[in-house]
C-alpha atoms as a PDB file:
ATOM      1  CA  MET A   1      48.407 -10.366-101.463  1.00  0.00           C
ATOM      2  CA  LYS A   2      46.186 -10.065 -98.387  1.00  0.00           C
ATOM      3  CA  PRO A   3      43.232 -12.348 -98.136  1.00  0.00           C
ATOM      4  CA  PRO A   4      39.838 -10.747 -98.957  1.00  0.00           C
ATOM      5  CA  LEU A   5      38.661 -11.325 -95.386  1.00  0.00           C
ATOM      6  CA  ALA A   6      41.286  -8.973 -93.992  1.00  0.00           C
ATOM      7  CA  HIS A   7      40.253  -6.216 -96.428  1.00  0.00           C
ATOM      8  CA  ALA A   8      36.595  -6.616 -95.508  1.00  0.00           C
ATOM      9  CA  ARG A   9      37.337  -6.032 -91.830  1.00  0.00           C
ATOM     10  CA  ARG A  10      39.241  -2.796 -92.384  1.00  0.00           C
ATOM     11  CA  GLY A  11      37.448   0.147 -90.675  1.00  0.00           C
ATOM     12  CA  CYS A  12      34.661  -2.006 -89.189  1.00  0.00           C
ATOM     13  CA  ILE A  13      33.490  -1.820 -85.565  1.00  0.00           C
ATOM     14  CA  PRO A  14      33.409  -5.168 -83.758  1.00  0.00           C
ATOM     15  CA  TRP A  15      29.924  -6.443 -82.903  1.00  0.00           C
ATOM     16  CA  ASN A  16      30.730  -6.482 -79.196  1.00  0.00           C
ATOM     17  CA  GLY A  17      31.518  -2.749 -79.463  1.00  0.00           C
ATOM     18  CA  LEU A  18      28.171  -2.075 -81.133  1.00  0.00           C
ATOM     19  CA  LEU A  19      26.328  -4.054 -78.483  1.00  0.00           C
ATOM     20  CA  LEU A  20      28.025  -1.983 -75.784  1.00  0.00           C
ATOM     21  CA  ALA A  21      27.280   1.306 -77.543  1.00  0.00           C
ATOM     22  CA  VAL A  22      23.525   0.651 -77.927  1.00  0.00           C
ATOM     23  CA  PRO A  23      22.700   0.491 -74.190  1.00  0.00           C
ATOM     24  CA  LEU A  24      24.956   3.506 -73.542  1.00  0.00           C
ATOM     25  CA  ILE A  25      23.082   5.559 -76.157  1.00  0.00           C
ATOM     26  CA  THR A  26      19.742   4.385 -74.769  1.00  0.00           C
ATOM     27  CA  PHE A  27      20.807   5.321 -71.233  1.00  0.00           C
ATOM     28  CA  TRP A  28      21.945   8.771 -72.415  1.00  0.00           C
ATOM     29  CA  LYS A  29      18.586   9.348 -74.106  1.00  0.00           C
ATOM     30  CA  LEU A  30      16.755   8.372 -70.923  1.00  0.00           C
ATOM     31  CA  LEU A  31      18.815  10.845 -68.927  1.00  0.00           C
ATOM     32  CA  THR A  32      18.082  13.663 -71.356  1.00  0.00           C
ATOM     33  CA  THR A  33      14.325  12.959 -71.450  1.00  0.00           C
ATOM     34  CA  VAL A  34      13.638  12.753 -67.696  1.00  0.00           C
ATOM     35  CA  LYS A  35      10.657  14.966 -66.921  1.00  0.00           C
ATOM     36  CA  PRO A  36      10.074  16.877 -63.682  1.00  0.00           C
ATOM     37  CA  THR A  37       7.523  15.352 -61.322  1.00  0.00           C
ATOM     38  CA  ILE A  38       5.760  16.510 -58.162  1.00  0.00           C
ATOM     39  CA  GLU A  39       5.221  14.377 -55.068  1.00  0.00           C
ATOM     40  CA  SER A  40       2.895  15.292 -52.210  1.00  0.00           C
ATOM     41  CA  VAL A  41       4.530  14.507 -48.852  1.00  0.00           C
ATOM     42  CA  PRO A  42       2.480  13.065 -47.254  1.00  0.00           C
ATOM     43  CA  VAL A  43       0.015  11.937 -49.919  1.00  0.00           C
ATOM     44  CA  ASN A  44      -2.917  12.395 -47.523  1.00  0.00           C
ATOM     45  CA  ALA A  45      -2.673  14.958 -44.742  1.00  0.00           C
ATOM     46  CA  ALA A  46      -4.609  15.735 -41.592  1.00  0.00           C
ATOM     47  CA  GLU A  47      -5.781  19.233 -40.813  1.00  0.00           C
ATOM     48  CA  GLY A  48      -3.185  21.192 -38.869  1.00  0.00           C
ATOM     49  CA  THR A  49      -0.172  19.333 -40.278  1.00  0.00           C
ATOM     50  CA  ASP A  50       2.419  20.448 -42.854  1.00  0.00           C
ATOM     51  CA  VAL A  51       2.510  19.251 -46.472  1.00  0.00           C
ATOM     52  CA  LEU A  52       5.336  19.575 -49.005  1.00  0.00           C
ATOM     53  CA  LEU A  53       4.751  19.524 -52.757  1.00  0.00           C
ATOM     54  CA  LEU A  54       8.194  18.141 -53.553  1.00  0.00           C
ATOM     55  CA  VAL A  55       9.579  18.742 -57.054  1.00  0.00           C
ATOM     56  CA  HIS A  56      11.839  16.068 -58.576  1.00  0.00           C
ATOM     57  CA  SER A  57      14.164  15.985 -61.615  1.00  0.00           C
ATOM     58  CA  VAL A  58      14.311  19.704 -62.347  1.00  0.00           C
ATOM     59  CA  THR A  59      16.988  20.636 -64.907  1.00  0.00           C
ATOM     60  CA  GLY A  60      19.480  23.447 -64.388  1.00  0.00           C
ATOM     61  CA  ASP A  61      18.416  25.611 -67.340  1.00  0.00           C
ATOM     62  CA  LEU A  62      15.588  27.452 -65.583  1.00  0.00           C
ATOM     63  CA  LEU A  63      15.018  31.134 -64.911  1.00  0.00           C
ATOM     64  CA  GLY A  64      12.469  30.528 -62.177  1.00  0.00           C
ATOM     65  CA  TYR A  65       9.244  29.000 -60.892  1.00  0.00           C
ATOM     66  CA  SER A  66       5.748  30.121 -59.949  1.00  0.00           C
ATOM     67  CA  TRP A  67       3.019  28.242 -58.080  1.00  0.00           C
ATOM     68  CA  TYR A  68      -0.689  28.801 -58.749  1.00  0.00           C
ATOM     69  CA  ARG A  69      -3.801  27.586 -57.014  1.00  0.00           C
ATOM     70  CA  GLY A  70      -5.924  25.529 -59.406  1.00  0.00           C
ATOM     71  CA  GLU A  71      -5.093  24.013 -62.773  1.00  0.00           C
ATOM     72  CA  ARG A  72      -4.660  27.288 -64.668  1.00  0.00           C
ATOM     73  CA  VAL A  73      -1.933  29.895 -64.717  1.00  0.00           C
ATOM     74  CA  GLU A  74      -3.880  32.990 -63.670  1.00  0.00           C
ATOM     75  CA  ASN A  75      -2.288  36.006 -62.017  1.00  0.00           C
ATOM     76  CA  ASN A  76      -4.938  36.326 -59.317  1.00  0.00           C
ATOM     77  CA  GLN A  77      -4.271  32.695 -58.320  1.00  0.00           C
ATOM     78  CA  ARG A  78      -0.496  33.049 -57.995  1.00  0.00           C
ATOM     79  CA  ILE A  79       0.802  31.877 -54.618  1.00  0.00           C
ATOM     80  CA  ALA A  80       4.535  32.523 -54.884  1.00  0.00           C
ATOM     81  CA  SER A  81       7.423  32.806 -57.351  1.00  0.00           C
ATOM     82  CA  HIS A  82      11.166  32.200 -57.130  1.00  0.00           C
ATOM     83  CA  ARG A  83      13.829  33.687 -59.405  1.00  0.00           C
ATOM     84  CA  ILE A  84      16.924  31.503 -59.617  1.00  0.00           C
ATOM     85  CA  ASP A  85      19.632  33.944 -60.783  1.00  0.00           C
ATOM     86  CA  ASP A  86      19.348  36.228 -57.743  1.00  0.00           C
ATOM     87  CA  SER A  87      17.560  33.736 -55.435  1.00  0.00           C
ATOM     88  CA  THR A  88      14.635  36.055 -54.698  1.00  0.00           C
ATOM     89  CA  SER A  89      11.083  35.012 -53.883  1.00  0.00           C
ATOM     90  CA  THR A  90       7.844  36.971 -54.115  1.00  0.00           C
ATOM     91  CA  THR A  91       4.282  36.208 -53.057  1.00  0.00           C
ATOM     92  CA  GLY A  92       1.065  36.568 -55.031  1.00  0.00           C
ATOM     93  CA  LEU A  93      -2.593  37.315 -54.381  1.00  0.00           C
ATOM     94  CA  ALA A  94      -3.361  33.685 -53.487  1.00  0.00           C
ATOM     95  CA  HIS A  95      -0.658  33.530 -50.801  1.00  0.00           C
ATOM     96  CA  SER A  96      -2.239  32.832 -47.400  1.00  0.00           C
ATOM     97  CA  GLY A  97       0.867  33.421 -45.297  1.00  0.00           C
ATOM     98  CA  ARG A  98       1.340  29.679 -44.758  1.00  0.00           C
ATOM     99  CA  GLU A  99       3.178  28.796 -47.996  1.00  0.00           C
ATOM    100  CA  THR A 100       6.939  28.806 -48.580  1.00  0.00           C
ATOM    101  CA  ILE A 101       8.591  28.312 -51.971  1.00  0.00           C
ATOM    102  CA  TYR A 102      12.066  26.750 -52.064  1.00  0.00           C
ATOM    103  CA  PRO A 103      14.928  27.266 -54.568  1.00  0.00           C
ATOM    104  CA  ASN A 104      14.293  23.810 -56.088  1.00  0.00           C
ATOM    105  CA  GLY A 105      10.664  24.740 -56.820  1.00  0.00           C
ATOM    106  CA  SER A 106       9.072  22.775 -53.972  1.00  0.00           C
ATOM    107  CA  LEU A 107       6.197  24.394 -52.075  1.00  0.00           C
ATOM    108  CA  LEU A 108       5.576  23.946 -48.338  1.00  0.00           C
ATOM    109  CA  PHE A 109       2.117  24.352 -46.779  1.00  0.00           C
ATOM    110  CA  GLN A 110       2.015  24.868 -43.019  1.00  0.00           C
ATOM    111  CA  ASN A 111      -0.976  24.134 -40.800  1.00  0.00           C
ATOM    112  CA  VAL A 112      -3.136  22.937 -43.703  1.00  0.00           C
ATOM    113  CA  THR A 113      -6.928  23.166 -43.680  1.00  0.00           C
ATOM    114  CA  GLN A 114      -9.584  21.403 -45.736  1.00  0.00           C
ATOM    115  CA  HIS A 115      -9.815  24.606 -47.795  1.00  0.00           C
ATOM    116  CA  ASP A 116      -6.306  23.809 -49.091  1.00  0.00           C
ATOM    117  CA  THR A 117      -7.567  20.616 -50.744  1.00  0.00           C
ATOM    118  CA  GLY A 118      -7.341  20.779 -54.528  1.00  0.00           C
ATOM    119  CA  TYR A 119      -4.985  21.092 -57.477  1.00  0.00           C
ATOM    120  CA  TYR A 120      -1.939  23.338 -57.740  1.00  0.00           C
ATOM    121  CA  THR A 121       0.093  24.249 -60.817  1.00  0.00           C
ATOM    122  CA  LEU A 122       3.861  24.708 -61.015  1.00  0.00           C
ATOM    123  CA  PHE A 123       4.841  27.039 -63.876  1.00  0.00           C
ATOM    124  CA  MET A 124       8.507  26.899 -64.953  1.00  0.00           C
ATOM    125  CA  ILE A 125      10.337  29.354 -67.244  1.00  0.00           C
ATOM    126  CA  LYS A 126      13.524  28.161 -68.954  1.00  0.00           C
ATOM    127  CA  ASN A 127      16.531  30.210 -70.045  1.00  0.00           C
ATOM    128  CA  ASP A 128      15.365  30.037 -73.669  1.00  0.00           C
ATOM    129  CA  LEU A 129      11.993  31.444 -72.471  1.00  0.00           C
ATOM    130  CA  GLN A 130      10.257  28.131 -73.101  1.00  0.00           C
ATOM    131  CA  THR A 131       7.694  27.276 -70.416  1.00  0.00           C
ATOM    132  CA  GLU A 132       6.416  24.098 -68.808  1.00  0.00           C
ATOM    133  CA  SER A 133       3.547  23.449 -66.392  1.00  0.00           C
ATOM    134  CA  LEU A 134       2.914  20.612 -63.955  1.00  0.00           C
ATOM    135  CA  ALA A 135      -0.141  19.977 -61.779  1.00  0.00           C
ATOM    136  CA  ALA A 136      -0.216  18.376 -58.339  1.00  0.00           C
ATOM    137  CA  GLN A 137      -3.035  17.449 -55.984  1.00  0.00           C
ATOM    138  CA  LEU A 138      -3.195  18.229 -52.284  1.00  0.00           C
ATOM    139  CA  ARG A 139      -5.536  16.161 -50.104  1.00  0.00           C
ATOM    140  CA  VAL A 140      -6.448  17.315 -46.605  1.00  0.00           C
ATOM    141  CA  TYR A 141      -8.787  15.372 -44.320  1.00  0.00           C
ATOM    142  CA  PRO A 142     -10.352  16.374 -41.005  1.00  0.00           C
ATOM    143  CA  VAL A 143      -9.076  14.922 -37.758  1.00  0.00           C
ATOM    144  CA  LEU A 144     -11.828  12.570 -36.690  1.00  0.00           C
ATOM    145  CA  PRO A 145     -13.545  13.298 -33.386  1.00  0.00           C
ATOM    146  CA  THR A 146     -14.139  10.444 -30.981  1.00  0.00           C
ATOM    147  CA  PRO A 147     -17.507   9.013 -32.054  1.00  0.00           C
ATOM    148  CA  VAL A 148     -20.411   8.598 -29.693  1.00  0.00           C
ATOM    149  CA  ILE A 149     -23.217   6.174 -30.489  1.00  0.00           C
ATOM    150  CA  THR A 150     -26.693   7.578 -29.953  1.00  0.00           C
ATOM    151  CA  SER A 151     -29.967   5.658 -29.915  1.00  0.00           C
ATOM    152  CA  ASN A 152     -33.511   6.731 -30.696  1.00  0.00           C
ATOM    153  CA  ASN A 153     -34.808   4.357 -28.040  1.00  0.00           C
ATOM    154  CA  CYS A 154     -32.938   3.898 -24.781  1.00  0.00           C
ATOM    155  CA  ASN A 155     -35.516   1.479 -23.331  1.00  0.00           C
ATOM    156  CA  PRO A 156     -36.690  -0.690 -26.216  1.00  0.00           C
ATOM    157  CA  MET A 157     -39.317  -3.374 -25.916  1.00  0.00           C
ATOM    158  CA  GLU A 158     -39.462  -6.500 -28.033  1.00  0.00           C
ATOM    159  CA  GLN A 159     -40.617  -5.846 -31.599  1.00  0.00           C
ATOM    160  CA  ASP A 160     -39.576  -2.175 -31.345  1.00  0.00           C
ATOM    161  CA  THR A 161     -37.336  -0.562 -33.964  1.00  0.00           C
ATOM    162  CA  VAL A 162     -34.013   0.773 -32.681  1.00  0.00           C
ATOM    163  CA  VAL A 163     -31.850   3.208 -34.651  1.00  0.00           C
ATOM    164  CA  LEU A 164     -28.182   3.546 -33.650  1.00  0.00           C
ATOM    165  CA  THR A 165     -26.137   6.442 -35.055  1.00  0.00           C
ATOM    166  CA  CYS A 166     -22.336   6.544 -34.994  1.00  0.00           C
ATOM    167  CA  GLY A 167     -20.861   9.988 -34.324  1.00  0.00           C
ATOM    168  CA  THR A 168     -21.441  13.169 -36.293  1.00  0.00           C
ATOM    169  CA  GLU A 169     -21.522  13.302 -40.073  1.00  0.00           C
ATOM    170  CA  THR A 170     -18.116  14.124 -41.606  1.00  0.00           C
ATOM    171  CA  GLN A 171     -16.934  14.008 -45.211  1.00  0.00           C
ATOM    172  CA  ASN A 172     -14.747  11.185 -46.549  1.00  0.00           C
ATOM    173  CA  THR A 173     -15.365   9.067 -43.454  1.00  0.00           C
ATOM    174  CA  SER A 174     -16.174   5.366 -43.417  1.00  0.00           C
ATOM    175  CA  HIS A 175     -17.988   3.506 -40.644  1.00  0.00           C
ATOM    176  CA  LYS A 176     -17.950  -0.095 -39.525  1.00  0.00           C
ATOM    177  CA  TRP A 177     -20.133  -1.842 -36.939  1.00  0.00           C
ATOM    178  CA  TRP A 178     -19.728  -4.828 -34.621  1.00  0.00           C
ATOM    179  CA  VAL A 179     -22.052  -6.501 -32.162  1.00  0.00           C
ATOM    180  CA  ASN A 180     -20.628  -8.501 -29.260  1.00  0.00           C
ATOM    181  CA  SER A 181     -17.140  -7.956 -30.776  1.00  0.00           C
ATOM    182  CA  ARG A 182     -18.192  -9.671 -34.017  1.00  0.00           C
ATOM    183  CA  SER A 183     -19.112  -8.425 -37.456  1.00  0.00           C
ATOM    184  CA  LEU A 184     -22.788  -7.789 -38.032  1.00  0.00           C
ATOM    185  CA  PRO A 185     -24.689 -10.961 -38.950  1.00  0.00           C
ATOM    186  CA  ASN A 186     -26.606 -11.242 -42.195  1.00  0.00           C
ATOM    187  CA  SER A 187     -30.167 -10.475 -41.229  1.00  0.00           C
ATOM    188  CA  THR A 188     -33.179  -8.875 -42.883  1.00  0.00           C
ATOM    189  CA  ARG A 189     -33.822  -7.117 -39.574  1.00  0.00           C
ATOM    190  CA  LEU A 190     -30.550  -5.175 -39.760  1.00  0.00           C
ATOM    191  CA  GLU A 191     -30.167  -2.258 -42.141  1.00  0.00           C
ATOM    192  CA  LEU A 192     -27.249   0.117 -42.677  1.00  0.00           C
ATOM    193  CA  SER A 193     -27.604   3.598 -44.117  1.00  0.00           C
ATOM    194  CA  GLU A 194     -25.827   4.412 -47.378  1.00  0.00           C
ATOM    195  CA  ASP A 195     -22.786   5.766 -45.514  1.00  0.00           C
ATOM    196  CA  SER A 196     -23.048   3.007 -42.845  1.00  0.00           C
ATOM    197  CA  ARG A 197     -23.240   5.655 -40.120  1.00  0.00           C
ATOM    198  CA  THR A 198     -26.708   4.551 -39.024  1.00  0.00           C
ATOM    199  CA  LEU A 199     -27.667   1.013 -38.046  1.00  0.00           C
ATOM    200  CA  THR A 200     -31.368   0.170 -37.815  1.00  0.00           C
ATOM    201  CA  LEU A 201     -32.610  -2.903 -35.951  1.00  0.00           C
ATOM    202  CA  PHE A 202     -36.168  -3.891 -36.858  1.00  0.00           C
ATOM    203  CA  HIS A 203     -38.406  -5.910 -34.518  1.00  0.00           C
ATOM    204  CA  VAL A 204     -35.737  -6.346 -31.849  1.00  0.00           C
ATOM    205  CA  THR A 205     -35.601  -9.463 -29.712  1.00  0.00           C
ATOM    206  CA  ARG A 206     -33.514 -10.492 -26.733  1.00  0.00           C
ATOM    207  CA  ASN A 207     -30.978 -11.979 -29.128  1.00  0.00           C
ATOM    208  CA  ASP A 208     -30.209  -8.437 -30.297  1.00  0.00           C
ATOM    209  CA  THR A 209     -28.814  -7.423 -26.911  1.00  0.00           C
ATOM    210  CA  GLY A 210     -25.431  -5.611 -27.402  1.00  0.00           C
ATOM    211  CA  PRO A 211     -22.923  -4.177 -26.923  1.00  0.00           C
ATOM    212  CA  TYR A 212     -22.754  -2.532 -30.349  1.00  0.00           C
ATOM    213  CA  MET A 213     -19.530  -0.869 -31.458  1.00  0.00           C
ATOM    214  CA  CYS A 214     -18.688   1.426 -34.354  1.00  0.00           C
ATOM    215  CA  GLU A 215     -15.398   2.451 -35.938  1.00  0.00           C
ATOM    216  CA  THR A 216     -14.771   5.615 -37.945  1.00  0.00           C
ATOM    217  CA  ARG A 217     -11.818   6.252 -40.228  1.00  0.00           C
ATOM    218  CA  ASN A 218     -10.840   8.398 -43.191  1.00  0.00           C
ATOM    219  CA  PRO A 219      -8.440   7.806 -46.110  1.00  0.00           C
ATOM    220  CA  MET A 220      -5.352   9.241 -44.405  1.00  0.00           C
ATOM    221  CA  ILE A 221      -2.358   6.913 -44.584  1.00  0.00           C
ATOM    222  CA  GLN A 222       0.193   8.258 -42.137  1.00  0.00           C
ATOM    223  CA  HIS A 223      -2.297   9.775 -39.705  1.00  0.00           C
ATOM    224  CA  LYS A 224      -5.035   7.195 -39.660  1.00  0.00           C
ATOM    225  CA  GLU A 225      -7.676   7.958 -37.035  1.00  0.00           C
ATOM    226  CA  VAL A 226      -9.567   4.976 -35.621  1.00  0.00           C
ATOM    227  CA  PHE A 227     -11.960   5.316 -32.712  1.00  0.00           C
ATOM    228  CA  LEU A 228     -14.380   2.878 -31.134  1.00  0.00           C
ATOM    229  CA  ALA A 229     -17.625   3.629 -29.358  1.00  0.00           C
ATOM    230  CA  SER A 230     -20.146   1.252 -27.863  1.00  0.00           C
ATOM    231  CA  GLN A 231     -23.853   1.179 -27.096  1.00  0.00           C
ATOM    232  CA  VAL A 232     -25.708  -1.560 -25.254  1.00  0.00           C
ATOM    233  CA  VAL A 233     -29.180  -2.545 -26.407  1.00  0.00           C
ATOM    234  CA  LEU A 234     -30.714  -4.314 -23.431  1.00  0.00           C
ATOM    235  CA  LEU A 235     -34.308  -5.461 -23.426  1.00  0.00           C
ATOM    236  CA  PRO A 236     -36.200  -5.532 -20.124  1.00  0.00           C
ATOM    237  CA  ALA A 237     -37.245  -8.797 -18.579  1.00  0.00           C
ATOM    238  CA  SER A 238     -40.757  -9.906 -19.467  1.00  0.00           C
END
């Protein structure tokens, strides 16, 4: 007669086998639930450069793709479509002549302008006629011109007010000032405008003699534009 322990083990799966099976099942579920994503390359672009809305993790059960300008699927905003079975592409009413759709669903913009800034929608049709939409954002910034500092008073006298302005006004641009190669001191006689483009010096004295320098930059990462300009505030001898 066999001991009861042997009978109890008949047909059972060892615990080490169960522990191995659990992570395998979890990994399989992760693979089957991966969702497509869109990456803007680069994330921030300068006017005149090329940008790719790169599609990742697309499954193989698709009939085709369509790209639309904006966050809605509207026919008059269709840029381009690609049919997978015969590898044909067509353009829509929103196509500017600068966009190219690729077989993997990615969309290339050439020579981008600030008008291209905004959201775009990728519309995917599967073999079972189910659909899925993804939105992506395109950010385009102007190439910054070299700033020039202008002054409202080229020959100030003591106790005058001097207003220095850094370059022309452009969107999404930050400004920073230095005097004598140092950050601006804390003083009630110095005032920056809301966008920091204008620096006002109240009741100037000889201690306010420059040079003053400004820096302009925008949020671009790969094409950061940094320029320096200087202006000397020099008071005449008494």
